[in-house]
Amino acid sequence: MLEHGGRLLHASQQYGIALADWLDLSTGINPQGWPVPELPAAVWSRLPEAADGLVSAARDYYGAAHVLPLAGSQAAIQALPHLRRRGRVGVLSPGYAEHAHAWRQAGHNVVPLKAETLSRELGPFDAAVLIQPNNPTGTRFSKEVVLDWHATLAGRGGWLVVDEAFIDATPADSLAPFTDRPGLIVLRSLGKFFGLAGARVGFALAQPDLLQGLAEHLGPWAVAGPSRYVAEQALRDTAWQASARAQVQAAGLRLAELLRRHGLAPDGGCALFQWLRHESAADLHKQLARRGILTRYFDEPASLRLGLPGSEADWSRLDAALAELQA
């Protein structure tokens, strides 16, 4: 299994710092997520039902005609490669590593694609995977360009999978409304912007026949009843969504400026994280960890991803730690 952010137990043991004393900036999860209310007792005692309103709420929120609830978008990432015969698959790199891993595990020939040369390289593939905005670099592509790439792939019976886990802060950039087109698959998550990573809820948006194949592969009751209830309420809370978008966009700019002030100008990012390439990234990661601040380290290229602090005390703590770093 690949490593991910959020491994606080491991970090606590490695650095000898109590769990309660950590500032976790390693995941890109909104630290001021949707406020979960008390849940009705029935959601714990009944099997999940497809007609509970979650699909309707998701259609409205995403502006997509067809959606399939998942146990996080990770469920689709792992399953989709098994729904195509083995072929040549281009995957944006660097990017969320689970995509390439899943296609490779299913026997496909995976080819890393660089953002700056993607337009020239996309033609000879059976499927391609983009992350928009990219994780961890924050790279974005215009909708018009991505739809052109999709048309190229679809013209040869191919797929374009677009992982939009971090796009909720800028919903106008989403390709969700175009997922009635053959071979265009958009993956969404409630873990990042909504801060509901523990609920394990995501969605696949695509044409009905493709979603039906995915649903049959995953089997019944893919999302637990309590998670479905929470997800529906969060997707319908438009007032919170508007407020949260403004909050995370401002916080993302604030984090970028804080890093610049300490001589660590980000090379990319989005509203929920900033990405910093640095030849001493591994050492910077360790220096911050020794101060109880967990970041996400990448070795290729050597870089750090930092998520948003949640409180003014957290911002001050990060500011002070950055001032003490020896780059």
Protein backbone atom coordinates (compact mmCIF):
# COMPACT_ATOMS: atom_id res chain seq x y z
CA MET A 1 0.00 0.00 0.00
CA LEU A 2 1.13 3.53 -0.75
CA GLU A 3 1.79 6.09 1.96
CA HIS A 4 -0.54 9.06 2.46
CA GLY A 5 -0.82 12.12 4.65
CA GLY A 6 -2.56 12.06 8.01
CA ARG A 7 -0.47 9.30 9.61
CA LEU A 8 -0.49 10.97 13.01
CA LEU A 9 -0.16 7.78 15.04
CA HIS A 10 3.00 6.88 13.12
CA ALA A 11 4.39 10.40 13.51
CA SER A 12 3.56 10.44 17.22
CA GLN A 13 5.52 7.25 17.78
CA GLN A 14 8.41 8.28 15.53
CA TYR A 15 8.98 11.69 17.12
CA GLY A 16 7.75 10.99 20.66
CA ILE A 17 5.12 13.72 20.59
CA ALA A 18 1.62 13.10 21.99
CA LEU A 19 -1.22 12.98 19.46
CA ALA A 20 -2.95 15.98 21.01
CA ASP A 21 0.14 18.12 20.50
CA TRP A 22 0.32 17.81 16.71
CA LEU A 23 -0.68 20.32 14.06
CA ASP A 24 -1.56 18.15 11.07
CA LEU A 25 -1.04 19.98 7.77
CA SER A 26 -0.37 16.80 5.80
CA THR A 27 -3.74 16.04 4.24
CA GLY A 28 -5.22 19.10 2.49
CA ILE A 29 -8.47 18.56 4.41
CA ASN A 30 -10.45 21.68 5.34
CA PRO A 31 -9.75 22.12 9.08
CA GLN A 32 -13.06 23.96 9.47
CA GLY A 33 -15.23 21.35 7.83
CA TRP A 34 -18.98 21.02 7.66
CA PRO A 35 -20.45 20.84 11.21
CA VAL A 36 -21.94 17.34 11.57
CA PRO A 37 -25.19 17.34 13.61
CA GLU A 38 -26.45 14.58 15.85
CA LEU A 39 -27.54 11.65 13.66
CA PRO A 40 -30.97 9.96 13.82
CA ALA A 41 -30.81 6.55 15.47
CA ALA A 42 -32.39 4.91 12.41
CA VAL A 43 -29.32 5.49 10.23
CA TRP A 44 -27.40 3.09 12.47
CA SER A 45 -30.00 0.33 12.52
CA ARG A 46 -31.22 0.19 8.91
CA LEU A 47 -29.44 -0.92 5.77
CA PRO A 48 -28.65 1.98 3.39
CA GLU A 49 -31.31 2.66 0.73
CA ALA A 50 -30.61 4.11 -2.70
CA ALA A 51 -33.76 6.26 -2.60
CA ASP A 52 -32.75 8.16 0.55
CA GLY A 53 -32.17 11.46 -1.26
CA LEU A 54 -28.37 11.35 -1.49
CA VAL A 55 -28.27 10.86 -5.27
CA SER A 56 -30.68 13.76 -5.83
CA ALA A 57 -28.63 16.03 -3.57
CA ALA A 58 -25.44 15.07 -5.40
CA ARG A 59 -26.99 15.72 -8.82
CA ASP A 60 -28.04 19.18 -7.70
CA TYR A 61 -24.69 20.01 -6.11
CA TYR A 62 -22.51 18.76 -8.97
CA GLY A 63 -24.82 19.74 -11.81
CA ALA A 64 -24.47 16.24 -13.25
CA ALA A 65 -27.21 14.07 -14.70
CA HIS A 66 -25.91 10.78 -13.30
CA VAL A 67 -23.96 10.10 -10.11
CA LEU A 68 -22.92 7.01 -8.18
CA PRO A 69 -22.15 7.29 -4.44
CA LEU A 70 -18.91 5.59 -3.42
CA ALA A 71 -16.97 4.79 -0.28
CA GLY A 72 -14.70 7.70 -1.15
CA SER A 73 -13.42 8.39 -4.66
CA GLN A 74 -10.69 5.89 -3.81
CA ALA A 75 -13.23 3.10 -4.43
CA ALA A 76 -13.58 4.19 -8.06
CA ILE A 77 -9.83 4.73 -8.44
CA GLN A 78 -9.28 1.09 -7.53
CA ALA A 79 -12.22 -0.33 -9.50
CA LEU A 80 -12.19 1.55 -12.81
CA PRO A 81 -9.02 -0.11 -14.17
CA HIS A 82 -10.80 -3.48 -13.94
CA LEU A 83 -13.66 -2.31 -16.16
CA ARG A 84 -11.46 -1.98 -19.26
CA ARG A 85 -9.35 -4.53 -21.07
CA ARG A 86 -5.65 -4.04 -20.52
CA GLY A 87 -4.20 -1.17 -22.52
CA ARG A 88 -1.97 1.90 -22.49
CA VAL A 89 -2.93 4.45 -19.85
CA GLY A 90 -1.46 7.92 -19.42
CA VAL A 91 -1.46 9.32 -15.88
CA LEU A 92 -0.51 12.87 -14.91
CA SER A 93 2.79 12.92 -13.01
CA PRO A 94 3.59 14.01 -10.41
CA GLY A 95 0.07 13.41 -9.15
CA TYR A 96 -2.01 11.43 -6.69
CA ALA A 97 -0.08 8.17 -6.79
CA GLU A 98 -3.05 5.85 -6.25
CA HIS A 99 -4.18 6.36 -9.85
CA ALA A 100 -1.04 5.01 -11.49
CA HIS A 101 -0.78 2.30 -8.82
CA ALA A 102 -4.34 1.05 -9.44
CA TRP A 103 -4.01 0.92 -13.25
CA ARG A 104 -0.63 -0.79 -12.95
CA GLN A 105 -1.97 -3.35 -10.47
CA ALA A 106 -4.76 -4.20 -12.93
CA GLY A 107 -2.19 -5.04 -15.62
CA HIS A 108 -2.27 -1.87 -17.71
CA ASN A 109 0.80 -0.24 -19.24
CA VAL A 110 0.99 3.04 -17.30
CA VAL A 111 2.86 5.98 -18.86
CA PRO A 112 3.60 9.09 -16.74
CA LEU A 113 2.48 12.33 -18.41
CA LYS A 114 4.01 15.72 -17.66
CA ALA A 115 1.62 18.67 -17.48
CA GLU A 116 3.74 20.81 -19.79
CA THR A 117 3.85 18.20 -22.59
CA LEU A 118 0.47 16.54 -22.09
CA SER A 119 -1.13 18.04 -25.20
CA ARG A 120 1.47 16.43 -27.46
CA GLU A 121 1.42 13.04 -25.76
CA LEU A 122 -2.26 12.29 -25.15
CA GLY A 123 -3.21 10.74 -28.49
CA PRO A 124 -2.04 7.11 -28.39
CA PHE A 125 -3.76 6.05 -25.15
CA ASP A 126 -6.73 3.87 -24.29
CA ALA A 127 -7.37 5.92 -21.16
CA ALA A 128 -5.88 8.91 -19.39
CA VAL A 129 -6.10 10.25 -15.85
CA LEU A 130 -5.94 13.92 -14.82
CA ILE A 131 -6.16 15.46 -11.38
CA GLN A 132 -7.77 18.91 -11.47
CA PRO A 133 -6.42 20.88 -9.66
CA ASN A 134 -3.47 18.53 -9.51
CA ASN A 135 -2.42 17.02 -6.21
CA PRO A 136 0.20 17.99 -5.09
CA THR A 137 1.29 20.64 -7.64
CA GLY A 138 -2.00 22.55 -7.97
CA THR A 139 -1.67 22.59 -11.78
CA ARG A 140 -4.91 23.40 -13.61
CA PHE A 141 -6.05 22.98 -17.18
CA SER A 142 -8.83 24.96 -18.85
CA LYS A 143 -12.14 23.19 -19.39
CA GLU A 144 -11.88 23.76 -23.14
CA VAL A 145 -8.48 22.09 -23.32
CA VAL A 146 -9.56 19.12 -21.21
CA LEU A 147 -12.72 18.63 -23.26
CA ASP A 148 -10.58 18.61 -26.41
CA TRP A 149 -8.39 15.92 -24.82
CA HIS A 150 -11.51 13.97 -23.95
CA ALA A 151 -12.80 14.20 -27.53
CA THR A 152 -9.48 12.80 -28.79
CA LEU A 153 -9.67 9.83 -26.43
CA ALA A 154 -13.40 9.22 -26.87
CA GLY A 155 -12.98 9.20 -30.63
CA ARG A 156 -10.96 6.00 -30.25
CA GLY A 157 -13.27 4.50 -27.60
CA GLY A 158 -11.07 5.71 -24.76
CA TRP A 159 -11.73 7.17 -21.34
CA LEU A 160 -10.68 10.37 -19.66
CA VAL A 161 -10.81 10.13 -15.86
CA VAL A 162 -10.69 13.50 -14.08
CA ASP A 163 -10.13 13.48 -10.32
CA GLU A 164 -11.66 16.68 -8.92
CA ALA A 165 -11.12 15.99 -5.22
CA PHE A 166 -9.87 19.56 -4.61
CA ILE A 167 -12.09 21.55 -6.99
CA ASP A 168 -15.04 22.40 -4.69
CA ALA A 169 -13.64 25.83 -3.82
CA THR A 170 -13.92 26.77 -7.52
CA PRO A 171 -16.95 24.79 -8.78
CA ALA A 172 -17.16 26.71 -12.06
CA ASP A 173 -13.98 24.90 -13.13
CA SER A 174 -15.58 21.47 -12.81
CA LEU A 175 -16.29 19.15 -15.74
CA ALA A 176 -19.22 17.60 -13.88
CA PRO A 177 -21.87 19.13 -16.20
CA PHE A 178 -20.21 17.43 -19.20
CA THR A 179 -20.25 13.87 -17.85
CA ASP A 180 -23.14 12.88 -20.11
CA ARG A 181 -20.46 12.54 -22.81
CA PRO A 182 -19.18 9.01 -23.55
CA GLY A 183 -15.95 8.11 -21.83
CA LEU A 184 -15.75 11.15 -19.53
CA ILE A 185 -15.58 10.13 -15.86
CA VAL A 186 -15.32 12.71 -13.08
CA LEU A 187 -14.51 11.70 -9.50
CA ARG A 188 -15.54 13.89 -6.56
CA SER A 189 -14.95 13.64 -2.83
CA LEU A 190 -16.49 14.99 0.38
CA GLY A 191 -13.23 14.46 2.22
CA LYS A 192 -11.38 17.66 1.33
CA PHE A 193 -13.53 20.81 1.04
CA PHE A 194 -16.27 19.47 3.31
CA GLY A 195 -13.71 18.10 5.78
CA LEU A 196 -15.55 14.77 5.98
CA ALA A 197 -12.66 12.42 5.21
CA GLY A 198 -13.70 9.98 7.94
CA ALA A 199 -17.17 9.51 6.43
CA ARG A 200 -15.56 7.98 3.30
CA VAL A 201 -18.00 9.43 0.76
CA GLY A 202 -17.26 10.22 -2.86
CA PHE A 203 -19.01 10.10 -6.22
CA ALA A 204 -18.39 8.96 -9.76
CA LEU A 205 -20.05 11.06 -12.46
CA ALA A 206 -20.42 9.47 -15.90
CA GLN A 207 -22.89 7.95 -18.35
CA PRO A 208 -25.40 5.48 -16.83
CA ASP A 209 -24.03 2.32 -18.44
CA LEU A 210 -20.55 3.00 -17.13
CA LEU A 211 -21.86 3.77 -13.64
CA GLN A 212 -23.93 0.59 -13.73
CA GLY A 213 -20.83 -1.46 -14.48
CA LEU A 214 -18.97 0.26 -11.65
CA ALA A 215 -21.86 -0.31 -9.23
CA GLU A 216 -22.00 -4.01 -10.09
CA HIS A 217 -18.26 -4.30 -9.55
CA LEU A 218 -18.45 -2.62 -6.13
CA GLY A 219 -21.51 -4.52 -4.91
CA PRO A 220 -24.38 -3.44 -2.64
CA TRP A 221 -24.26 -0.96 0.26
CA ALA A 222 -21.05 0.69 -0.87
CA VAL A 223 -21.64 3.68 1.44
CA ALA A 224 -22.71 3.26 5.07
CA GLY A 225 -26.06 4.68 6.17
CA PRO A 226 -24.66 7.28 8.60
CA SER A 227 -22.25 8.51 5.94
CA ARG A 228 -25.05 8.79 3.38
CA TYR A 229 -27.13 10.85 5.82
CA VAL A 230 -24.29 13.24 6.62
CA ALA A 231 -23.34 13.58 2.93
CA GLU A 232 -26.87 14.50 1.86
CA GLN A 233 -27.17 17.20 4.52
CA ALA A 234 -23.76 18.66 3.65
CA LEU A 235 -24.48 18.72 -0.09
CA ARG A 236 -27.73 20.63 0.52
CA ASP A 237 -26.20 23.22 2.87
CA THR A 238 -25.62 25.95 0.29
CA ALA A 239 -25.14 28.69 2.89
CA TRP A 240 -22.25 26.82 4.52
CA GLN A 241 -20.74 26.03 1.13
CA ALA A 242 -20.66 29.69 0.07
CA SER A 243 -19.08 30.74 3.36
CA ALA A 244 -16.54 27.90 3.27
CA ARG A 245 -15.46 28.72 -0.29
CA ALA A 246 -14.63 32.27 0.69
CA GLN A 247 -12.87 31.08 3.83
CA VAL A 248 -10.61 28.48 2.21
CA GLN A 249 -9.75 30.72 -0.74
CA ALA A 250 -8.61 33.44 1.66
CA ALA A 251 -6.74 30.91 3.79
CA GLY A 252 -4.96 29.46 0.75
CA LEU A 253 -3.69 32.93 -0.19
CA ARG A 254 -2.69 33.56 3.41
CA LEU A 255 -0.68 30.33 3.54
CA ALA A 256 1.12 31.14 0.29
CA GLU A 257 2.05 34.59 1.61
CA LEU A 258 3.24 33.14 4.94
CA LEU A 259 5.56 30.74 3.15
CA ARG A 260 6.89 33.51 0.90
CA ARG A 261 7.60 35.66 3.94
CA HIS A 262 9.91 32.93 5.23
CA GLY A 263 11.74 32.50 1.93
CA LEU A 264 9.76 29.41 0.93
CA ALA A 265 7.70 30.66 -2.01
CA PRO A 266 5.26 27.95 -3.16
CA ASP A 267 5.63 26.47 -6.64
CA GLY A 268 1.93 25.67 -6.83
CA GLY A 269 -1.19 24.96 -4.84
CA CYS A 270 -4.91 25.63 -4.52
CA ALA A 271 -7.32 26.87 -1.87
CA LEU A 272 -6.70 23.87 0.40
CA PHE A 273 -2.92 23.43 0.17
CA GLN A 274 0.35 24.91 -1.02
CA TRP A 275 3.17 22.97 -2.69
CA LEU A 276 6.84 23.77 -2.26
CA ARG A 277 9.71 22.27 -4.25
CA HIS A 278 12.96 22.37 -2.30
CA GLU A 279 16.19 20.39 -2.48
CA SER A 280 16.08 20.11 1.34
CA ALA A 281 12.41 19.14 1.50
CA ALA A 282 13.09 15.97 3.48
CA ASP A 283 15.05 17.92 6.10
CA LEU A 284 12.41 20.67 6.28
CA HIS A 285 9.76 18.00 6.80
CA LYS A 286 11.75 16.53 9.69
CA GLN A 287 12.47 19.91 11.26
CA LEU A 288 8.76 20.75 11.30
CA ALA A 289 7.86 17.27 12.57
CA ARG A 290 10.25 17.69 15.50
CA ARG A 291 8.15 20.74 16.37
CA GLY A 292 4.92 18.73 16.15
CA ILE A 293 3.88 20.00 12.70
CA LEU A 294 3.16 17.28 10.17
CA THR A 295 3.52 18.06 6.46
CA ARG A 296 3.34 15.81 3.41
CA TYR A 297 6.74 14.98 1.98
CA PHE A 298 7.28 13.85 -1.63
CA ASP A 299 10.60 12.51 -2.84
CA GLU A 300 9.93 12.86 -6.60
CA PRO A 301 10.32 15.73 -7.02
CA ALA A 302 11.66 16.66 -3.56
CA SER A 303 8.82 18.77 -2.20
CA LEU A 304 6.41 19.50 0.63
CA ARG A 305 2.65 19.99 0.60
CA LEU A 306 1.17 22.01 3.44
CA GLY A 307 -2.52 22.18 4.24
CA LEU A 308 -4.36 24.97 6.04
CA PRO A 309 -3.99 25.72 9.75
CA GLY A 310 -7.38 25.75 11.44
CA SER A 311 -7.15 28.40 14.16
CA GLU A 312 -5.24 31.61 14.81
CA ALA A 313 -3.15 29.70 17.35
CA ASP A 314 -2.28 27.19 14.61
CA TRP A 315 -1.30 29.98 12.22
CA SER A 316 0.93 31.53 14.87
CA ARG A 317 2.50 28.18 15.63
CA LEU A 318 3.32 27.57 11.97
CA ASP A 319 4.69 31.09 11.60
CA ALA A 320 7.01 30.61 14.56
CA ALA A 321 8.18 27.17 13.35
CA LEU A 322 8.94 28.46 9.86
CA ALA A 323 11.03 31.26 11.39
CA GLU A 324 13.20 28.64 13.13
CA LEU A 325 13.85 26.46 10.07
CA GLN A 326 17.35 26.02 8.77
CA ALA A 327 17.05 25.47 5.01
